[in-house]
Amino acid sequence: MVKRTIDVLSAGSALVLLSPLLLLLALLLRVVEGKPVFYVQERVGRGGGTFEILKFRSMRAGSPGPLFTGEDDPRITRVGAILRKTKLDEIPQLWNVLRGSMSLVGPRPEVPYYVAKWPTASRRISLSVRPGITDPASWLLIDEGALLANQARPNTYYEEVLIPFKCCMYVKYAETATTATDMAILFGTLARLMGLHAVSNKARQRIIERLGAESCIHEFEKRS
């Protein structure tokens, strides 16, 4: 109840405060890239039900390709590259938070295709909480696009390295997270986006210890 109250108050306030920026970005996309301004995709939410996640469109409309996106993906538009680099494309998800399909902090929502590949136990635990705009895994993999772009076989790397790491972190979060942990994750994510690497790295270590996620990091480094 406390988490949901924080989500509603924070998302509602942020949408009001950021409305000029949202309007500016929407107009920029409409003028430079054309329609549609928003990108809507089916994702798996709490309890295994699906919902439509909302983002500013950063790729060419209707372009076929893999479900994951490297930073060198030819589908990414000029404006989209900037939006993805700064994570501004994620801001519309505040609407998902306000509606209750997402939370500010929680496991990142995945498409059904990849959720089906999660281990059964991991899927059950991870989907016991609302998915979020940020979480420990996405914070640690904030440069995921660049990481995938450097792989000879990005699809294999995503399925055999990134998915197991994300699942491990999702489970640790779902089992141990508290309001204090959520605040620390939000703080660390913002610090990383602002380029405050020393602050972000210090917060990163504290979060890993709080979640007991050292084994996830160790296994990820070994697989990488």
C-alpha atoms as a PDB file:
ATOM      1  CA  MET A   1       0.000   0.000   0.000  1.00  0.00           C
ATOM      2  CA  VAL A   2       2.846   2.375   0.880  1.00  0.00           C
ATOM      3  CA  LYS A   3       4.637   1.528  -2.370  1.00  0.00           C
ATOM      4  CA  ARG A   4       1.508   2.134  -4.437  1.00  0.00           C
ATOM      5  CA  THR A   5       0.850   5.455  -2.695  1.00  0.00           C
ATOM      6  CA  ILE A   6       4.410   6.592  -3.448  1.00  0.00           C
ATOM      7  CA  ASP A   7       4.011   5.475  -7.058  1.00  0.00           C
ATOM      8  CA  VAL A   8       0.773   7.386  -7.593  1.00  0.00           C
ATOM      9  CA  LEU A   9       1.936  10.596  -5.924  1.00  0.00           C
ATOM     10  CA  SER A  10       5.349  10.528  -7.596  1.00  0.00           C
ATOM     11  CA  ALA A  11       4.131   9.602 -11.083  1.00  0.00           C
ATOM     12  CA  GLY A  12       1.276  12.108 -10.960  1.00  0.00           C
ATOM     13  CA  SER A  13       3.541  14.936  -9.795  1.00  0.00           C
ATOM     14  CA  ALA A  14       6.228  14.041 -12.335  1.00  0.00           C
ATOM     15  CA  LEU A  15       3.741  14.002 -15.220  1.00  0.00           C
ATOM     16  CA  VAL A  16       2.545  17.495 -14.263  1.00  0.00           C
ATOM     17  CA  LEU A  17       6.053  18.896 -13.785  1.00  0.00           C
ATOM     18  CA  LEU A  18       7.405  17.269 -16.926  1.00  0.00           C
ATOM     19  CA  SER A  19       4.394  18.079 -19.121  1.00  0.00           C
ATOM     20  CA  PRO A  20       6.243  20.917 -20.970  1.00  0.00           C
ATOM     21  CA  LEU A  21       9.117  18.532 -21.746  1.00  0.00           C
ATOM     22  CA  LEU A  22       6.716  15.782 -22.810  1.00  0.00           C
ATOM     23  CA  LEU A  23       4.938  18.178 -25.156  1.00  0.00           C
ATOM     24  CA  LEU A  24       8.229  19.433 -26.589  1.00  0.00           C
ATOM     25  CA  LEU A  25       9.501  15.902 -27.247  1.00  0.00           C
ATOM     26  CA  ALA A  26       6.185  14.877 -28.787  1.00  0.00           C
ATOM     27  CA  LEU A  27       6.263  17.875 -31.149  1.00  0.00           C
ATOM     28  CA  LEU A  28       9.901  17.204 -32.044  1.00  0.00           C
ATOM     29  CA  LEU A  29       9.157  13.597 -32.915  1.00  0.00           C
ATOM     30  CA  ARG A  30       6.047  14.554 -34.891  1.00  0.00           C
ATOM     31  CA  VAL A  31       7.922  17.166 -36.968  1.00  0.00           C
ATOM     32  CA  VAL A  32      11.210  15.313 -37.505  1.00  0.00           C
ATOM     33  CA  GLU A  33      10.171  11.657 -37.560  1.00  0.00           C
ATOM     34  CA  GLY A  34       6.444  11.815 -38.315  1.00  0.00           C
ATOM     35  CA  LYS A  35       3.729   9.558 -36.906  1.00  0.00           C
ATOM     36  CA  PRO A  36       3.351   7.802 -34.570  1.00  0.00           C
ATOM     37  CA  VAL A  37       4.879   9.723 -31.677  1.00  0.00           C
ATOM     38  CA  PHE A  38       4.441   6.904 -29.167  1.00  0.00           C
ATOM     39  CA  TYR A  39       5.526   3.289 -29.281  1.00  0.00           C
ATOM     40  CA  VAL A  40       3.194   0.760 -27.685  1.00  0.00           C
ATOM     41  CA  GLN A  41       4.201  -2.846 -27.049  1.00  0.00           C
ATOM     42  CA  GLU A  42       2.714  -5.785 -25.175  1.00  0.00           C
ATOM     43  CA  ARG A  43       4.646  -6.671 -22.021  1.00  0.00           C
ATOM     44  CA  VAL A  44       4.062  -9.149 -19.204  1.00  0.00           C
ATOM     45  CA  GLY A  45       3.066  -7.645 -15.875  1.00  0.00           C
ATOM     46  CA  ARG A  46       2.242  -8.696 -12.342  1.00  0.00           C
ATOM     47  CA  GLY A  47       0.676 -12.120 -12.086  1.00  0.00           C
ATOM     48  CA  GLY A  48       1.505 -12.950 -15.712  1.00  0.00           C
ATOM     49  CA  GLY A  49      -1.134 -10.716 -17.266  1.00  0.00           C
ATOM     50  CA  THR A  50      -0.174  -8.494 -20.176  1.00  0.00           C
ATOM     51  CA  PHE A  51      -0.394  -4.728 -20.589  1.00  0.00           C
ATOM     52  CA  GLU A  52       0.688  -2.141 -23.152  1.00  0.00           C
ATOM     53  CA  ILE A  53       3.871  -0.307 -22.243  1.00  0.00           C
ATOM     54  CA  LEU A  54       4.175   3.273 -23.480  1.00  0.00           C
ATOM     55  CA  LYS A  55       7.359   4.902 -24.788  1.00  0.00           C
ATOM     56  CA  PHE A  56       8.334   7.702 -27.115  1.00  0.00           C
ATOM     57  CA  ARG A  57       9.034   6.073 -30.475  1.00  0.00           C
ATOM     58  CA  SER A  58      12.770   5.779 -31.073  1.00  0.00           C
ATOM     59  CA  MET A  59      12.789   3.443 -34.093  1.00  0.00           C
ATOM     60  CA  ARG A  60      11.344   3.526 -37.591  1.00  0.00           C
ATOM     61  CA  ALA A  61       7.689   2.574 -37.510  1.00  0.00           C
ATOM     62  CA  GLY A  62       6.963  -0.953 -38.692  1.00  0.00           C
ATOM     63  CA  SER A  63      10.617  -1.911 -39.174  1.00  0.00           C
ATOM     64  CA  PRO A  64      11.151  -5.659 -38.666  1.00  0.00           C
ATOM     65  CA  GLY A  65      13.961  -6.874 -36.442  1.00  0.00           C
ATOM     66  CA  PRO A  66      14.891  -8.570 -33.161  1.00  0.00           C
ATOM     67  CA  LEU A  67      12.953  -7.901 -29.948  1.00  0.00           C
ATOM     68  CA  PHE A  68      16.080  -6.474 -28.283  1.00  0.00           C
ATOM     69  CA  THR A  69      17.899  -3.367 -29.521  1.00  0.00           C
ATOM     70  CA  GLY A  70      21.633  -2.683 -29.744  1.00  0.00           C
ATOM     71  CA  GLU A  71      22.824   0.907 -29.997  1.00  0.00           C
ATOM     72  CA  ASP A  72      23.954   0.292 -33.594  1.00  0.00           C
ATOM     73  CA  ASP A  73      20.521  -0.977 -34.657  1.00  0.00           C
ATOM     74  CA  PRO A  74      19.699   0.580 -38.072  1.00  0.00           C
ATOM     75  CA  ARG A  75      16.047   0.915 -37.022  1.00  0.00           C
ATOM     76  CA  ILE A  76      16.912   3.665 -34.516  1.00  0.00           C
ATOM     77  CA  THR A  77      16.073   7.163 -35.760  1.00  0.00           C
ATOM     78  CA  ARG A  78      18.156  10.320 -35.323  1.00  0.00           C
ATOM     79  CA  VAL A  79      15.959  11.685 -32.562  1.00  0.00           C
ATOM     80  CA  GLY A  80      15.485   8.189 -31.186  1.00  0.00           C
ATOM     81  CA  ALA A  81      19.228   7.756 -30.631  1.00  0.00           C
ATOM     82  CA  ILE A  82      19.233  10.799 -28.366  1.00  0.00           C
ATOM     83  CA  LEU A  83      16.091   9.711 -26.539  1.00  0.00           C
ATOM     84  CA  ARG A  84      17.513   6.237 -25.893  1.00  0.00           C
ATOM     85  CA  LYS A  85      20.898   7.573 -24.768  1.00  0.00           C
ATOM     86  CA  THR A  86      19.294   9.917 -22.242  1.00  0.00           C
ATOM     87  CA  LYS A  87      16.446   7.487 -21.383  1.00  0.00           C
ATOM     88  CA  LEU A  88      13.920  10.218 -22.194  1.00  0.00           C
ATOM     89  CA  ASP A  89      12.005   7.680 -24.267  1.00  0.00           C
ATOM     90  CA  GLU A  90      11.007   5.995 -20.991  1.00  0.00           C
ATOM     91  CA  ILE A  91       9.236   9.026 -19.478  1.00  0.00           C
ATOM     92  CA  PRO A  92       5.765   8.119 -20.838  1.00  0.00           C
ATOM     93  CA  GLN A  93       5.875   5.014 -18.648  1.00  0.00           C
ATOM     94  CA  LEU A  94       4.933   7.306 -15.781  1.00  0.00           C
ATOM     95  CA  TRP A  95       1.425   6.933 -17.241  1.00  0.00           C
ATOM     96  CA  ASN A  96       1.748   3.146 -16.870  1.00  0.00           C
ATOM     97  CA  VAL A  97       2.733   3.714 -13.234  1.00  0.00           C
ATOM     98  CA  LEU A  98      -0.216   6.019 -12.624  1.00  0.00           C
ATOM     99  CA  ARG A  99      -2.612   3.460 -14.129  1.00  0.00           C
ATOM    100  CA  GLY A 100      -1.225   0.689 -11.929  1.00  0.00           C
ATOM    101  CA  SER A 101       0.322  -1.618 -14.534  1.00  0.00           C
ATOM    102  CA  MET A 102       3.832  -0.569 -13.488  1.00  0.00           C
ATOM    103  CA  SER A 103       5.738   0.778 -10.513  1.00  0.00           C
ATOM    104  CA  LEU A 104       8.605   3.266 -10.321  1.00  0.00           C
ATOM    105  CA  VAL A 105      10.895   0.429  -9.191  1.00  0.00           C
ATOM    106  CA  GLY A 106      10.480  -3.227 -10.065  1.00  0.00           C
ATOM    107  CA  PRO A 107      11.697  -5.867 -12.518  1.00  0.00           C
ATOM    108  CA  ARG A 108      11.684  -4.442 -16.032  1.00  0.00           C
ATOM    109  CA  PRO A 109       8.667  -5.758 -17.981  1.00  0.00           C
ATOM    110  CA  GLU A 110       9.614  -8.144 -20.768  1.00  0.00           C
ATOM    111  CA  VAL A 111       7.814  -9.281 -23.902  1.00  0.00           C
ATOM    112  CA  PRO A 112       5.932 -12.615 -23.651  1.00  0.00           C
ATOM    113  CA  TYR A 113       8.423 -14.361 -25.954  1.00  0.00           C
ATOM    114  CA  TYR A 114      11.305 -13.908 -23.525  1.00  0.00           C
ATOM    115  CA  VAL A 115       9.261 -14.364 -20.350  1.00  0.00           C
ATOM    116  CA  ALA A 116       8.423 -17.844 -21.666  1.00  0.00           C
ATOM    117  CA  LYS A 117      12.164 -18.576 -21.596  1.00  0.00           C
ATOM    118  CA  TRP A 118      12.559 -17.675 -17.914  1.00  0.00           C
ATOM    119  CA  PRO A 119      12.993 -20.593 -15.494  1.00  0.00           C
ATOM    120  CA  THR A 120       9.607 -21.459 -13.965  1.00  0.00           C
ATOM    121  CA  ALA A 121      10.614 -20.564 -10.399  1.00  0.00           C
ATOM    122  CA  SER A 122      12.171 -17.265 -11.482  1.00  0.00           C
ATOM    123  CA  ARG A 123       9.084 -16.384 -13.519  1.00  0.00           C
ATOM    124  CA  ARG A 124       6.730 -17.049 -10.610  1.00  0.00           C
ATOM    125  CA  ILE A 125       8.735 -14.936  -8.150  1.00  0.00           C
ATOM    126  CA  SER A 126       9.578 -12.110 -10.561  1.00  0.00           C
ATOM    127  CA  LEU A 127       5.960 -11.700 -11.658  1.00  0.00           C
ATOM    128  CA  SER A 128       4.729 -11.562  -8.062  1.00  0.00           C
ATOM    129  CA  VAL A 129       5.475  -7.813  -8.025  1.00  0.00           C
ATOM    130  CA  ARG A 130       4.643  -4.968 -10.397  1.00  0.00           C
ATOM    131  CA  PRO A 131       7.238  -4.372 -13.125  1.00  0.00           C
ATOM    132  CA  GLY A 132       9.063  -1.064 -12.907  1.00  0.00           C
ATOM    133  CA  ILE A 133      10.628   1.773 -14.853  1.00  0.00           C
ATOM    134  CA  THR A 134      13.950   0.959 -13.235  1.00  0.00           C
ATOM    135  CA  ASP A 135      15.396  -1.882 -11.194  1.00  0.00           C
ATOM    136  CA  PRO A 136      18.858  -3.092 -10.136  1.00  0.00           C
ATOM    137  CA  ALA A 137      19.392  -5.068 -13.358  1.00  0.00           C
ATOM    138  CA  SER A 138      18.488  -2.231 -15.735  1.00  0.00           C
ATOM    139  CA  TRP A 139      20.540   0.198 -13.630  1.00  0.00           C
ATOM    140  CA  LEU A 140      23.599  -2.068 -13.846  1.00  0.00           C
ATOM    141  CA  LEU A 141      22.910  -2.663 -17.561  1.00  0.00           C
ATOM    142  CA  ILE A 142      22.174   0.965 -18.382  1.00  0.00           C
ATOM    143  CA  ASP A 143      24.511   0.629 -21.396  1.00  0.00           C
ATOM    144  CA  GLU A 144      22.867  -2.602 -22.564  1.00  0.00           C
ATOM    145  CA  GLY A 145      22.568  -1.291 -26.115  1.00  0.00           C
ATOM    146  CA  ALA A 146      26.320  -0.769 -26.372  1.00  0.00           C
ATOM    147  CA  LEU A 147      26.952  -4.152 -24.764  1.00  0.00           C
ATOM    148  CA  LEU A 148      24.791  -5.920 -27.353  1.00  0.00           C
ATOM    149  CA  ALA A 149      26.363  -3.962 -30.217  1.00  0.00           C
ATOM    150  CA  ASN A 150      29.774  -5.385 -29.262  1.00  0.00           C
ATOM    151  CA  GLN A 151      28.646  -9.011 -29.451  1.00  0.00           C
ATOM    152  CA  ALA A 152      29.295 -11.232 -32.459  1.00  0.00           C
ATOM    153  CA  ARG A 153      26.024 -13.069 -31.743  1.00  0.00           C
ATOM    154  CA  PRO A 154      23.827 -10.582 -29.862  1.00  0.00           C
ATOM    155  CA  ASN A 155      20.751 -12.832 -29.823  1.00  0.00           C
ATOM    156  CA  THR A 156      22.684 -15.681 -28.214  1.00  0.00           C
ATOM    157  CA  TYR A 157      24.303 -13.289 -25.749  1.00  0.00           C
ATOM    158  CA  TYR A 158      20.927 -11.847 -24.794  1.00  0.00           C
ATOM    159  CA  GLU A 159      19.341 -15.241 -24.185  1.00  0.00           C
ATOM    160  CA  GLU A 160      22.303 -17.016 -22.580  1.00  0.00           C
ATOM    161  CA  VAL A 161      23.902 -14.195 -20.587  1.00  0.00           C
ATOM    162  CA  LEU A 162      21.562 -11.249 -20.078  1.00  0.00           C
ATOM    163  CA  ILE A 163      18.322 -13.135 -19.443  1.00  0.00           C
ATOM    164  CA  PRO A 164      19.838 -15.350 -16.687  1.00  0.00           C
ATOM    165  CA  PHE A 165      21.408 -12.277 -15.066  1.00  0.00           C
ATOM    166  CA  LYS A 166      18.190 -10.289 -15.207  1.00  0.00           C
ATOM    167  CA  CYS A 167      16.154 -13.193 -13.826  1.00  0.00           C
ATOM    168  CA  CYS A 168      18.592 -13.608 -10.945  1.00  0.00           C
ATOM    169  CA  MET A 169      18.384  -9.897 -10.093  1.00  0.00           C
ATOM    170  CA  TYR A 170      14.586  -9.862 -10.482  1.00  0.00           C
ATOM    171  CA  VAL A 171      14.230 -12.702  -7.993  1.00  0.00           C
ATOM    172  CA  LYS A 172      16.575 -11.061  -5.482  1.00  0.00           C
ATOM    173  CA  TYR A 173      14.586  -7.840  -5.765  1.00  0.00           C
ATOM    174  CA  ALA A 174      11.166  -9.484  -5.476  1.00  0.00           C
ATOM    175  CA  GLU A 175      12.232 -11.452  -2.399  1.00  0.00           C
ATOM    176  CA  THR A 176      14.031  -8.731  -0.430  1.00  0.00           C
ATOM    177  CA  ALA A 177      13.109  -5.228  -1.630  1.00  0.00           C
ATOM    178  CA  THR A 178      11.819  -2.596   0.784  1.00  0.00           C
ATOM    179  CA  THR A 179      10.772   1.032   0.438  1.00  0.00           C
ATOM    180  CA  ALA A 180      14.285   2.055   1.479  1.00  0.00           C
ATOM    181  CA  THR A 181      15.746  -0.204  -1.209  1.00  0.00           C
ATOM    182  CA  ASP A 182      13.460   1.337  -3.830  1.00  0.00           C
ATOM    183  CA  MET A 183      14.566   4.842  -2.871  1.00  0.00           C
ATOM    184  CA  ALA A 184      18.212   3.792  -3.086  1.00  0.00           C
ATOM    185  CA  ILE A 185      17.656   2.268  -6.541  1.00  0.00           C
ATOM    186  CA  LEU A 186      15.951   5.438  -7.786  1.00  0.00           C
ATOM    187  CA  PHE A 187      18.782   7.553  -6.385  1.00  0.00           C
ATOM    188  CA  GLY A 188      21.430   5.327  -7.948  1.00  0.00           C
ATOM    189  CA  THR A 189      19.695   5.300 -11.334  1.00  0.00           C
ATOM    190  CA  LEU A 190      19.416   9.088 -11.403  1.00  0.00           C
ATOM    191  CA  ALA A 191      23.058   9.454 -10.340  1.00  0.00           C
ATOM    192  CA  ARG A 192      24.156   7.152 -13.179  1.00  0.00           C
ATOM    193  CA  LEU A 193      22.056   9.047 -15.752  1.00  0.00           C
ATOM    194  CA  MET A 194      23.544  12.343 -14.544  1.00  0.00           C
ATOM    195  CA  GLY A 195      27.070  10.990 -14.951  1.00  0.00           C
ATOM    196  CA  LEU A 196      27.800  10.914 -11.221  1.00  0.00           C
ATOM    197  CA  HIS A 197      29.666   7.631 -11.514  1.00  0.00           C
ATOM    198  CA  ALA A 198      31.400   7.733  -8.126  1.00  0.00           C
ATOM    199  CA  VAL A 199      28.067   8.256  -6.362  1.00  0.00           C
ATOM    200  CA  SER A 200      26.358   5.664  -8.542  1.00  0.00           C
ATOM    201  CA  ASN A 201      29.058   3.030  -7.982  1.00  0.00           C
ATOM    202  CA  LYS A 202      28.897   3.495  -4.228  1.00  0.00           C
ATOM    203  CA  ALA A 203      25.100   3.153  -4.266  1.00  0.00           C
ATOM    204  CA  ARG A 204      25.447   0.130  -6.576  1.00  0.00           C
ATOM    205  CA  GLN A 205      27.556  -1.763  -4.068  1.00  0.00           C
ATOM    206  CA  ARG A 206      25.140  -1.015  -1.231  1.00  0.00           C
ATOM    207  CA  ILE A 207      22.169  -2.247  -3.274  1.00  0.00           C
ATOM    208  CA  ILE A 208      23.927  -5.467  -4.264  1.00  0.00           C
ATOM    209  CA  GLU A 209      24.675  -6.135  -0.603  1.00  0.00           C
ATOM    210  CA  ARG A 210      21.117  -5.309   0.513  1.00  0.00           C
ATOM    211  CA  LEU A 211      19.634  -7.672  -2.059  1.00  0.00           C
ATOM    212  CA  GLY A 212      22.241 -10.357  -1.456  1.00  0.00           C
ATOM    213  CA  ALA A 213      22.881 -10.322  -5.211  1.00  0.00           C
ATOM    214  CA  GLU A 214      26.627 -10.969  -5.187  1.00  0.00           C
ATOM    215  CA  SER A 215      26.070 -14.407  -6.762  1.00  0.00           C
ATOM    216  CA  CYS A 216      24.154 -12.819  -9.661  1.00  0.00           C
ATOM    217  CA  ILE A 217      27.049 -10.455 -10.380  1.00  0.00           C
ATOM    218  CA  HIS A 218      29.615 -13.240 -10.104  1.00  0.00           C
ATOM    219  CA  GLU A 219      27.720 -15.493 -12.520  1.00  0.00           C
ATOM    220  CA  PHE A 220      27.174 -12.632 -14.983  1.00  0.00           C
ATOM    221  CA  GLU A 221      30.878 -11.765 -15.003  1.00  0.00           C
ATOM    222  CA  LYS A 222      31.769 -15.425 -15.502  1.00  0.00           C
ATOM    223  CA  ARG A 223      29.349 -15.837 -18.428  1.00  0.00           C
ATOM    224  CA  SER A 224      30.459 -12.552 -20.029  1.00  0.00           C
END
